[in-house]
Every structure is written in C-alpha cells, then in structure tokens.
Amino acid sequence: MSTENTPLVPRKYLFTFILITSLFALWGFANDITNPMVAAFQTLMEISVAKASMVQFAFYGGYATMAIPAALFIRKYSYKVGVLIGLGLYAVGAFLFIPAAQFQEFTYFCVSLYILTFGLAFLETSANPFILSLGPKENSTRRLNFAQAFNPVGSLSGMAIASFIVLPSLLSDRRDAAGQIIFHGLSEAEKANIRVHDLAVIRDPYVAIGLVVLVMFVVIALTKMPTLKGADEARTSAGTTLSRLWHNGIYRYGVLAQVLYVAAQIMVWTFIIQYADHLGIDKASAQRYNILAMSLSLTGRFLGTYIMKYVNQRRLLAVFGVGASVCTLGAICVKGMWGLYSLICISLFMSIMFPTIYGIALENVQSEDTSLGAAFLVMAIVGGALMPPLQGHLIDQQVILGWPAVNVSFCLPLVCFVFIAIYGYRTFKLQTAG
C-alpha cells in the first residue's frame, strides 16, 4: 500500500519525534566506537581474536540481560521514564571506563560495556516503539527507518573518533618497516608504559560521551512528552501477551531474523579490520574502510526510506537480503582488495534491515503487546554477542581448507543474509495473498 500522501509525523508529535530520534545517534556512537576496540585489545592485552571478541559478547550481552526487565518497567510506567533510566545507565557504564583504565584489566572494560548496554537496552526498548506510535500505523515502518537513519550518524561519529583519534594514538599498533607490530617484541616494562598510555586513549571518548548523555538526560527530563505506552498494557498479563506473540508467525520469525541480522552486522563491521589486516593494512587505515562502509549504510537508509514510499517494505527487504548475500559471497571467494571492497558494499544492503524487520514483526502485534514485543526484538541484539566470538575463532585458524580463514569466516553472515532474504520474501507473499 502506498503511503505517498500520508504525513510521516503529525505536527503535534514533531518535537518529541526530533528529540527521541536524536537518541538513535547516541547508541550508534557506542556501537561503532566499540567495534574497533576488539582489534585494539587483541594487540594491547596480547590475546586471541576470539578472546578479544568478548568485548562484543559483553556489549551485546547487556541487551539480552536487560531488554525484558526494561519492557516490564515500561509497561508499568512510560516510554519517557524508560528513556531516562536508559540514559542514566548509559552514563554510569561510560564513566566506569575510568577505573577500568586505572586497573588495566580487560575484564573490567567488559563489565563497563555490559552495564553501558543495560542503558542501551532501555533506550532501544523505549525509543523504537515510541517512534512507531508517533503517527499513522500505515507508515510506521517508514517512520522508524527515517529515525533509524540517524543511527549511522552517531556510528560515523564513533568510527571517525576511533579512526582519526583513538587508533592512530595507540602506541601498541606501531609497526616496523616490514609491517610487523613492534609491541610484541618489547620488554615487559616498556609494554606496561604503553598500556597506561593506550588505555587512557581508549577511556577518554567513553567519558566524553557519558557527559553528553547526562546533558540529554536533563533535556528530556524537563520536556513534556505524550504518554503513548498503550493504555491497556499494564492491565494485560505478561503470560497472555507472550502467548499471543508466540502464535504470531510473522513476529516469531521476525525475532529470529533480527537475531541473525544483528549478528551479521556486528561480524561485518567488527572484522573489516581483521580482513584488511590480512592484506597488510594497519588498524587506523582499516578503520577508514569501516567509515566508508558506514557511509554506504547511511546512504542506503535514506534511499531505502524514500523507496518505501513506492515499494512494499517486505519486497525491498528481500531484495536487499539478496544483495547482501551476493556481496558476502564476494568477500568469501575473492582474495585481495576486491574482496575487501565487496565486504564494504554489504553495508549498503544492510542499511534498511534492522528497522524494516522490526516494523514488519510488530505491524500486526496488538497495541497492548507492543512493549514486550519490542523487548524481544531488542533482546534479539544478543546475536551480536553470540556469533562474533565464533567468527573470531575461525579467523584464529589462519587457513581453512587452503583458503584464508578470514575470508571463510564470512560464511556465518552469509547464512544470516540468506535467511533475511527469505523472511522478506515470505512475509511479502503472505501479505499479497491476504
């Protein structure tokens, strides 16, 4: 159905829409300044790729832990209160980087990220359905795609700080004329001094974003917002809601599609650096390829939102799923720079996936079930915790069946994109058949 003549956001909700949309950039920043930290900790702490990937396990594990409690909290109170709790936890996690850097413990950084993402779970569980509710239902998915388009703005900011400030400042990544990392050959005393410096470099952006988050907390706390949590949610038992959600096939498979999408996204964006490193490219330069990938994602998000005025979002999801699958095959099968370019192009097709899957899954969910339904879709972000360590383990093998292991490891996101393409196609067929 065309939504060409339907206003995306009613005038009465416009200021609230702008304020809540700004939050999407905040968690985009956290996501994408964290991704390159896997490679940084791998060198600095002298650990394997698989163990360094525990950064992602901690980061996305926080979503899995807190999404359901956040939803239950929102059912009782409101989206605004959920947003404020989220901003508070975000700030606490960011400020915990100060003692983590002082004690130089990898585990402490993981705990800090885990608590930080408690806040992100509250924010996403609140903000995504809030945006869906700020206007007509018939263009809710398009409205969410537009709001989510500002997520890559924050992501690009995080990537830029990582690429131009953090990674170039890491003494542990300095290389000799042959391209080998010097850090591993230093004495323990020299390594200790470098760790003090580098951990401070890693710490500072998180502390800075913590201060920004506190400012947003004050602004939102002082702003009057509409109460749109669903008038009947608190009166509907969680058991009844769970039963209805489970028997909704589009929603149920939407949650699985979201698990696989987030897993694929994190694998693609985290391991661009390892892919480039295999080609002899240093971390700071490799992160610039990540910025290019995120720029394509941002372009694709705005382009996809526009196309949805004329093309069914389910069909578009299927097409983008096929495009991502083809590019992933290129990253697997093509060695050298063309394989890297193919890996970067995946981001163009990933651009619309998260908000589109989210919107499709919730489209036929009853209003009183929205908070818990949204929570499971946010909890699906746990895919980003589970699969990157597995891909890291594959990369540690160096060679698999005579082919570079870093190339072969992208078979994991390939499976994810194939499922997403099928989900888009099947839901489109179900809609047209109905």
Protein backbone atom coordinates (compact mmCIF):
# COMPACT_ATOMS: atom_id res chain seq x y z
CA MET A 1 0.00 0.00 0.00
CA SER A 2 1.36 3.44 -0.96
CA THR A 3 1.84 5.97 1.84
CA GLU A 4 2.88 8.76 -0.51
CA ASN A 5 0.26 11.27 0.72
CA THR A 6 0.30 10.36 4.43
CA PRO A 7 2.35 12.69 6.68
CA LEU A 8 5.29 10.86 8.21
CA VAL A 9 4.92 12.59 11.60
CA PRO A 10 1.87 14.62 12.72
CA ARG A 11 2.73 18.19 13.70
CA LYS A 12 1.68 17.66 17.35
CA TYR A 13 4.36 14.97 17.77
CA LEU A 14 7.12 16.66 15.76
CA PHE A 15 9.25 17.99 18.64
CA THR A 16 9.01 14.69 20.52
CA PHE A 17 9.95 12.86 17.33
CA ILE A 18 13.05 15.04 16.86
CA LEU A 19 14.15 14.60 20.47
CA ILE A 20 13.69 10.83 20.52
CA THR A 21 15.30 10.47 17.09
CA SER A 22 18.44 12.17 18.45
CA LEU A 23 18.83 9.22 20.83
CA PHE A 24 19.40 6.87 17.88
CA ALA A 25 22.73 8.60 17.24
CA LEU A 26 23.78 8.03 20.86
CA TRP A 27 23.64 4.27 20.71
CA GLY A 28 25.09 4.32 17.18
CA PHE A 29 28.13 6.09 18.63
CA ALA A 30 28.54 3.49 21.37
CA ASN A 31 28.18 0.59 18.92
CA ASP A 32 30.76 1.78 16.46
CA ILE A 33 33.42 3.20 18.67
CA THR A 34 33.37 -0.20 20.39
CA ASN A 35 33.76 -2.40 17.28
CA PRO A 36 37.42 -1.44 16.57
CA MET A 37 38.27 -1.96 20.24
CA VAL A 38 38.29 -5.72 19.52
CA ALA A 39 41.41 -5.28 17.40
CA ALA A 40 42.92 -2.78 19.85
CA PHE A 41 42.53 -5.06 22.87
CA GLN A 42 43.80 -8.04 20.85
CA THR A 43 47.19 -6.35 20.47
CA LEU A 44 47.33 -4.35 23.71
CA MET A 45 46.36 -7.25 26.00
CA GLU A 46 48.12 -9.84 23.79
CA ILE A 47 45.07 -12.08 23.50
CA SER A 48 43.48 -14.08 20.69
CA VAL A 49 40.84 -12.68 18.32
CA ALA A 50 38.29 -14.99 19.94
CA LYS A 51 39.02 -13.65 23.44
CA ALA A 52 39.14 -10.04 22.26
CA SER A 53 35.69 -10.63 20.75
CA MET A 54 34.39 -10.96 24.31
CA VAL A 55 34.13 -7.17 24.07
CA GLN A 56 31.20 -7.79 21.74
CA PHE A 57 29.87 -10.58 23.96
CA ALA A 58 29.76 -8.17 26.91
CA PHE A 59 28.38 -5.30 24.84
CA TYR A 60 25.51 -7.21 23.22
CA GLY A 61 25.01 -9.48 26.22
CA GLY A 62 23.82 -6.42 28.12
CA TYR A 63 20.94 -6.12 25.66
CA ALA A 64 19.95 -9.74 26.24
CA THR A 65 20.01 -9.31 30.02
CA MET A 66 18.08 -6.07 30.30
CA ALA A 67 15.60 -5.97 27.37
CA ILE A 68 12.80 -7.90 29.13
CA PRO A 69 13.15 -6.08 32.50
CA ALA A 70 13.13 -2.82 30.55
CA ALA A 71 9.91 -3.79 28.77
CA LEU A 72 8.17 -4.78 32.01
CA PHE A 73 9.25 -1.46 33.52
CA ILE A 74 7.90 0.47 30.53
CA ARG A 75 4.59 -1.41 30.68
CA LYS A 76 4.14 -0.12 34.22
CA TYR A 77 5.40 3.43 33.66
CA SER A 78 6.04 5.08 30.27
CA TYR A 79 8.41 5.37 27.34
CA LYS A 80 9.81 8.61 28.77
CA VAL A 81 10.73 7.03 32.10
CA GLY A 82 12.33 4.15 30.20
CA VAL A 83 14.41 6.61 28.20
CA LEU A 84 15.60 8.37 31.38
CA ILE A 85 16.61 5.08 33.04
CA GLY A 86 18.45 4.16 29.84
CA LEU A 87 20.38 7.41 29.72
CA GLY A 88 21.34 7.05 33.39
CA LEU A 89 22.73 3.53 32.95
CA TYR A 90 24.49 4.57 29.73
CA ALA A 91 26.32 7.33 31.63
CA VAL A 92 27.27 5.03 34.53
CA GLY A 93 28.76 2.43 32.15
CA ALA A 94 30.71 5.10 30.29
CA PHE A 95 32.18 6.56 33.48
CA LEU A 96 33.23 3.08 34.67
CA PHE A 97 35.91 3.23 31.97
CA ILE A 98 37.86 5.49 34.36
CA PRO A 99 38.58 2.76 36.98
CA ALA A 100 38.85 0.12 34.22
CA ALA A 101 41.72 2.04 32.62
CA GLN A 102 43.36 2.61 36.01
CA PHE A 103 43.36 -1.10 36.92
CA GLN A 104 44.31 -2.21 33.36
CA GLU A 105 42.00 -5.21 33.46
CA PHE A 106 40.35 -6.43 30.27
CA THR A 107 37.51 -7.91 32.36
CA TYR A 108 36.74 -4.50 33.88
CA PHE A 109 36.29 -3.00 30.43
CA CYS A 110 33.89 -5.81 29.55
CA VAL A 111 31.89 -5.15 32.75
CA SER A 112 31.75 -1.42 31.94
CA LEU A 113 30.39 -2.16 28.47
CA TYR A 114 27.93 -4.67 29.93
CA ILE A 115 26.44 -2.01 32.24
CA LEU A 116 26.52 0.63 29.50
CA THR A 117 24.38 -1.61 27.31
CA PHE A 118 21.85 -2.05 30.12
CA GLY A 119 21.17 1.59 29.32
CA LEU A 120 21.09 0.97 25.57
CA ALA A 121 18.57 -1.85 26.10
CA PHE A 122 16.27 0.58 27.94
CA LEU A 123 16.77 3.21 25.23
CA GLU A 124 16.03 0.90 22.31
CA THR A 125 13.13 -0.84 24.03
CA SER A 126 11.62 2.61 24.64
CA ALA A 127 12.60 4.63 21.58
CA ASN A 128 11.79 2.19 18.75
CA PRO A 129 8.12 1.54 19.67
CA PHE A 130 7.78 5.20 20.73
CA ILE A 131 8.72 6.25 17.18
CA LEU A 132 6.32 3.69 15.69
CA SER A 133 3.49 5.16 17.77
CA LEU A 134 4.12 8.81 16.82
CA GLY A 135 1.83 8.82 13.81
CA PRO A 136 -0.31 6.70 11.47
CA LYS A 137 0.24 2.94 11.58
CA GLU A 138 0.34 2.60 7.78
CA ASN A 139 3.71 4.39 7.54
CA SER A 140 5.13 3.34 10.91
CA THR A 141 7.91 1.20 9.36
CA ARG A 142 8.94 4.06 7.08
CA ARG A 143 8.90 6.45 10.06
CA LEU A 144 11.17 4.10 12.01
CA ASN A 145 13.52 3.77 9.03
CA PHE A 146 13.79 7.56 8.91
CA ALA A 147 14.51 7.79 12.64
CA GLN A 148 16.98 4.92 12.39
CA ALA A 149 18.76 6.79 9.59
CA PHE A 150 20.27 8.96 12.31
CA ASN A 151 21.79 5.91 13.97
CA PRO A 152 24.57 5.79 11.33
CA VAL A 153 25.23 9.49 12.01
CA GLY A 154 26.25 8.52 15.54
CA SER A 155 28.02 5.45 14.18
CA LEU A 156 30.05 7.57 11.77
CA SER A 157 30.98 9.89 14.63
CA GLY A 158 32.15 6.92 16.70
CA MET A 159 34.07 5.47 13.77
CA ALA A 160 35.67 8.83 12.96
CA ILE A 161 36.88 9.27 16.54
CA ALA A 162 38.18 5.70 16.53
CA SER A 163 39.86 6.15 13.15
CA PHE A 164 41.35 9.64 13.47
CA ILE A 165 41.91 9.97 17.23
CA VAL A 166 41.96 6.64 19.09
CA LEU A 167 43.61 4.11 16.76
CA PRO A 168 46.36 6.44 15.41
CA SER A 169 47.25 7.35 19.00
CA LEU A 170 47.75 3.73 20.11
CA LEU A 171 51.45 3.14 20.64
CA SER A 172 50.79 -0.60 20.71
CA ASP A 173 49.90 -0.57 16.99
CA ARG A 174 53.17 0.98 15.77
CA ARG A 175 54.80 -1.14 13.05
CA ASP A 176 58.29 -1.63 11.66
CA ALA A 177 59.35 -1.24 8.03
CA ALA A 178 58.16 -4.78 7.30
CA GLY A 179 54.68 -4.02 8.61
CA GLN A 180 55.07 -6.09 11.79
CA ILE A 181 53.74 -4.81 15.11
CA ILE A 182 56.66 -3.63 17.30
CA PHE A 183 54.80 -4.03 20.63
CA HIS A 184 55.19 -7.80 20.82
CA GLY A 185 58.99 -7.57 20.84
CA LEU A 186 59.28 -5.04 23.67
CA SER A 187 60.26 -5.69 27.29
CA GLU A 188 57.54 -6.05 29.93
CA ALA A 189 58.40 -2.65 31.41
CA GLU A 190 58.03 -0.97 28.01
CA LYS A 191 54.73 -2.78 27.42
CA ALA A 192 53.42 -1.64 30.80
CA ASN A 193 54.13 2.01 29.98
CA ILE A 194 52.42 1.68 26.62
CA ARG A 195 49.36 0.07 28.24
CA VAL A 196 48.98 3.04 30.60
CA HIS A 197 49.02 5.41 27.65
CA ASP A 198 46.79 3.38 25.32
CA LEU A 199 44.14 2.54 27.89
CA ALA A 200 43.80 6.25 28.67
CA VAL A 201 43.33 6.89 24.94
CA ILE A 202 40.58 4.23 24.82
CA ARG A 203 38.94 5.57 28.01
CA ASP A 204 38.56 9.24 27.08
CA PRO A 205 35.88 9.01 24.31
CA TYR A 206 33.62 6.98 26.61
CA VAL A 207 33.94 9.55 29.38
CA ALA A 208 33.16 12.33 26.89
CA ILE A 209 30.03 10.60 25.58
CA GLY A 210 28.98 9.99 29.20
CA LEU A 211 28.91 13.76 29.71
CA VAL A 212 26.83 14.23 26.54
CA VAL A 213 24.39 11.59 27.76
CA LEU A 214 23.97 13.43 31.07
CA VAL A 215 23.03 16.60 29.17
CA MET A 216 20.41 14.64 27.17
CA PHE A 217 19.08 13.23 30.44
CA VAL A 218 18.43 16.75 31.76
CA VAL A 219 16.83 17.96 28.50
CA ILE A 220 14.43 15.01 28.27
CA ALA A 221 13.60 15.12 31.98
CA LEU A 222 12.48 18.75 31.57
CA THR A 223 10.49 18.13 28.36
CA LYS A 224 6.78 17.26 28.44
CA MET A 225 6.05 14.28 26.18
CA PRO A 226 2.88 12.44 25.14
CA THR A 227 2.10 9.24 27.06
CA LEU A 228 1.88 6.58 24.36
CA LYS A 229 2.79 3.37 26.11
CA GLY A 230 -0.55 1.77 25.35
CA ALA A 231 -3.37 2.29 27.77
CA ASP A 232 -4.11 -1.42 28.25
CA GLU A 233 -0.58 -2.76 28.58
CA ALA A 234 -0.41 -2.72 32.36
CA ARG A 235 -3.82 -4.45 32.55
CA THR A 236 -2.79 -7.30 30.24
CA SER A 237 -0.94 -10.19 31.87
CA ALA A 238 2.56 -10.94 30.59
CA GLY A 239 1.52 -14.58 30.06
CA THR A 240 -1.33 -13.57 27.74
CA THR A 241 0.99 -11.29 25.81
CA LEU A 242 3.67 -13.97 25.45
CA SER A 243 1.10 -16.47 24.18
CA ARG A 244 -0.16 -14.08 21.52
CA LEU A 245 3.36 -13.19 20.44
CA TRP A 246 4.40 -16.85 20.15
CA HIS A 247 1.42 -17.69 17.95
CA ASN A 248 2.15 -14.77 15.63
CA GLY A 249 4.38 -16.40 12.99
CA ILE A 250 5.49 -13.15 11.32
CA TYR A 251 6.55 -11.80 14.71
CA ARG A 252 8.21 -15.06 15.84
CA TYR A 253 10.34 -15.41 12.71
CA GLY A 254 10.95 -11.66 12.80
CA VAL A 255 12.72 -12.07 16.13
CA LEU A 256 14.92 -14.80 14.62
CA ALA A 257 15.60 -12.63 11.57
CA GLN A 258 16.62 -9.81 13.91
CA VAL A 259 18.99 -12.12 15.85
CA LEU A 260 20.67 -13.10 12.60
CA TYR A 261 20.73 -9.56 11.22
CA VAL A 262 22.46 -8.09 14.28
CA ALA A 263 24.92 -10.99 14.30
CA ALA A 264 25.73 -10.35 10.64
CA GLN A 265 26.03 -6.59 11.11
CA ILE A 266 28.45 -6.90 14.01
CA MET A 267 30.54 -9.55 12.24
CA VAL A 268 30.79 -7.44 9.07
CA TRP A 269 31.70 -4.21 10.85
CA THR A 270 33.94 -5.73 13.52
CA PHE A 271 36.07 -7.90 11.24
CA ILE A 272 36.63 -5.45 8.40
CA ILE A 273 39.76 -4.55 10.37
CA GLN A 274 40.95 -8.17 10.52
CA TYR A 275 40.15 -8.62 6.83
CA ALA A 276 42.20 -5.52 5.98
CA ASP A 277 44.96 -6.57 8.40
CA HIS A 278 45.29 -9.81 6.41
CA LEU A 279 46.05 -7.58 3.42
CA GLY A 280 48.77 -5.73 5.37
CA ILE A 281 46.70 -2.63 6.20
CA ASP A 282 47.22 -1.08 9.67
CA LYS A 283 44.28 -0.63 12.08
CA ALA A 284 43.86 3.13 11.65
CA SER A 285 43.77 2.83 7.86
CA ALA A 286 41.49 -0.21 8.06
CA GLN A 287 39.04 1.75 10.22
CA ARG A 288 38.69 4.25 7.38
CA TYR A 289 37.26 1.42 5.28
CA ASN A 290 34.78 0.91 8.11
CA ILE A 291 33.83 4.58 7.83
CA LEU A 292 33.24 4.08 4.09
CA ALA A 293 31.03 1.08 4.90
CA MET A 294 29.02 3.12 7.40
CA SER A 295 28.67 5.96 4.88
CA LEU A 296 27.14 3.47 2.46
CA SER A 297 24.81 2.31 5.22
CA LEU A 298 23.71 5.88 5.90
CA THR A 299 23.12 6.48 2.19
CA GLY A 300 21.18 3.23 1.89
CA ARG A 301 18.99 4.08 4.90
CA PHE A 302 17.81 7.42 3.46
CA LEU A 303 17.49 5.93 -0.03
CA GLY A 304 15.55 2.94 1.29
CA THR A 305 13.21 5.17 3.31
CA TYR A 306 12.42 7.13 0.13
CA ILE A 307 11.89 3.99 -1.95
CA MET A 308 9.41 2.68 0.63
CA LYS A 309 7.02 5.41 -0.47
CA TYR A 310 6.55 3.38 -3.65
CA VAL A 311 7.78 -0.17 -2.96
CA ASN A 312 6.46 -2.61 -0.37
CA GLN A 313 8.95 -2.81 2.53
CA ARG A 314 8.78 -6.63 2.60
CA ARG A 315 9.75 -6.89 -1.05
CA LEU A 316 12.53 -4.32 -0.52
CA LEU A 317 13.86 -6.34 2.44
CA ALA A 318 14.02 -9.45 0.25
CA VAL A 319 15.89 -7.58 -2.49
CA PHE A 320 18.37 -6.08 -0.03
CA GLY A 321 18.86 -9.53 1.56
CA VAL A 322 19.83 -10.95 -1.84
CA GLY A 323 22.19 -8.02 -2.45
CA ALA A 324 23.91 -8.52 0.90
CA SER A 325 24.26 -12.25 0.20
CA VAL A 326 25.92 -11.62 -3.18
CA CYS A 327 28.38 -9.12 -1.68
CA THR A 328 29.20 -11.54 1.15
CA LEU A 329 29.97 -14.24 -1.41
CA GLY A 330 32.39 -11.78 -2.98
CA ALA A 331 34.13 -11.22 0.38
CA ILE A 332 34.47 -15.00 0.79
CA CYS A 333 35.52 -16.01 -2.71
CA VAL A 334 37.63 -13.05 -3.87
CA LYS A 335 41.09 -12.50 -2.40
CA GLY A 336 42.78 -9.12 -2.13
CA MET A 337 41.34 -5.61 -2.30
CA TRP A 338 38.32 -6.57 -4.41
CA GLY A 339 37.24 -8.92 -1.66
CA LEU A 340 37.55 -6.02 0.80
CA TYR A 341 35.51 -3.76 -1.49
CA SER A 342 32.82 -6.42 -1.68
CA LEU A 343 32.83 -6.66 2.13
CA ILE A 344 32.37 -2.89 2.38
CA CYS A 345 29.44 -2.93 -0.08
CA ILE A 346 27.47 -5.27 2.20
CA SER A 347 26.69 -2.21 4.35
CA LEU A 348 24.64 -0.61 1.58
CA PHE A 349 22.26 -3.58 1.66
CA MET A 350 22.27 -3.94 5.45
CA SER A 351 21.06 -0.35 5.77
CA ILE A 352 17.30 -0.90 5.99
CA MET A 353 17.31 -4.32 7.63
CA PHE A 354 17.06 -3.59 11.36
CA PRO A 355 14.17 -1.09 11.30
CA THR A 356 12.37 -2.92 8.49
CA ILE A 357 12.45 -6.29 10.26
CA TYR A 358 11.41 -4.50 13.45
CA GLY A 359 8.48 -2.77 11.78
CA ILE A 360 7.27 -5.86 9.89
CA ALA A 361 7.44 -8.02 13.03
CA LEU A 362 5.40 -5.56 15.10
CA GLU A 363 2.95 -4.47 12.41
CA ASN A 364 0.24 -6.98 13.37
CA VAL A 365 1.03 -7.13 17.09
CA GLN A 366 -1.79 -5.85 19.31
CA SER A 367 -1.13 -2.46 20.91
CA GLU A 368 -1.20 -3.88 24.46
CA ASP A 369 1.56 -6.34 23.49
CA THR A 370 3.88 -3.74 21.97
CA SER A 371 6.33 -3.24 24.86
CA LEU A 372 7.10 -6.93 25.34
CA GLY A 373 7.09 -7.47 21.59
CA ALA A 374 9.60 -4.67 21.20
CA ALA A 375 11.67 -6.09 24.06
CA PHE A 376 12.21 -9.43 22.33
CA LEU A 377 13.23 -7.63 19.17
CA VAL A 378 15.75 -5.61 21.18
CA MET A 379 16.80 -8.75 23.04
CA ALA A 380 17.50 -10.22 19.59
CA ILE A 381 20.56 -7.96 19.57
CA VAL A 382 22.13 -10.83 21.56
CA GLY A 383 23.03 -12.18 18.13
CA GLY A 384 25.85 -9.65 18.24
CA ALA A 385 27.16 -11.35 21.38
CA LEU A 386 26.98 -14.95 20.22
CA MET A 387 28.37 -15.12 16.70
CA PRO A 388 31.37 -12.70 16.61
CA PRO A 389 33.39 -14.87 19.05
CA LEU A 390 32.68 -17.86 16.78
CA GLN A 391 33.88 -15.91 13.77
CA GLY A 392 36.92 -14.79 15.77
CA HIS A 393 37.69 -18.45 16.48
CA LEU A 394 37.55 -19.21 12.76
CA ILE A 395 39.86 -16.27 11.97
CA ASP A 396 42.37 -17.57 14.55
CA GLN A 397 42.79 -20.71 12.41
CA GLN A 398 44.65 -18.61 9.79
CA VAL A 399 43.87 -21.08 6.95
CA ILE A 400 40.76 -23.26 6.39
CA LEU A 401 40.75 -25.82 3.55
CA GLY A 402 43.58 -23.96 1.87
CA TRP A 403 41.70 -20.63 1.84
CA PRO A 404 42.36 -17.60 4.10
CA ALA A 405 40.38 -18.18 7.30
CA VAL A 406 39.31 -14.53 7.47
CA ASN A 407 37.56 -14.96 4.10
CA VAL A 408 35.97 -18.28 5.05
CA SER A 409 34.69 -16.83 8.33
CA PHE A 410 32.20 -14.69 6.41
CA CYS A 411 30.18 -17.81 5.65
CA LEU A 412 28.50 -17.04 9.00
CA PRO A 413 26.98 -13.69 7.94
CA LEU A 414 26.13 -15.23 4.56
CA VAL A 415 23.76 -17.69 6.26
CA CYS A 416 22.17 -14.78 8.13
CA PHE A 417 21.53 -12.72 4.99
CA VAL A 418 20.01 -15.68 3.14
CA PHE A 419 17.51 -16.16 5.99
CA ILE A 420 16.63 -12.44 5.97
CA ALA A 421 16.02 -12.51 2.21
CA ILE A 422 13.69 -15.49 2.69
CA TYR A 423 11.89 -13.74 5.57
CA GLY A 424 11.27 -10.66 3.41
CA TYR A 425 10.01 -12.76 0.51
CA ARG A 426 7.76 -15.00 2.65
CA THR A 427 6.16 -12.08 4.52
CA PHE A 428 5.58 -10.28 1.21
CA LYS A 429 3.85 -13.35 -0.24
CA LEU A 430 1.71 -13.72 2.89
CA GLN A 431 0.67 -10.07 2.69
CA THR A 432 -0.24 -10.19 -1.01
CA ALA A 433 -2.05 -13.50 -0.55
CA GLY A 434 -4.15 -11.95 2.24
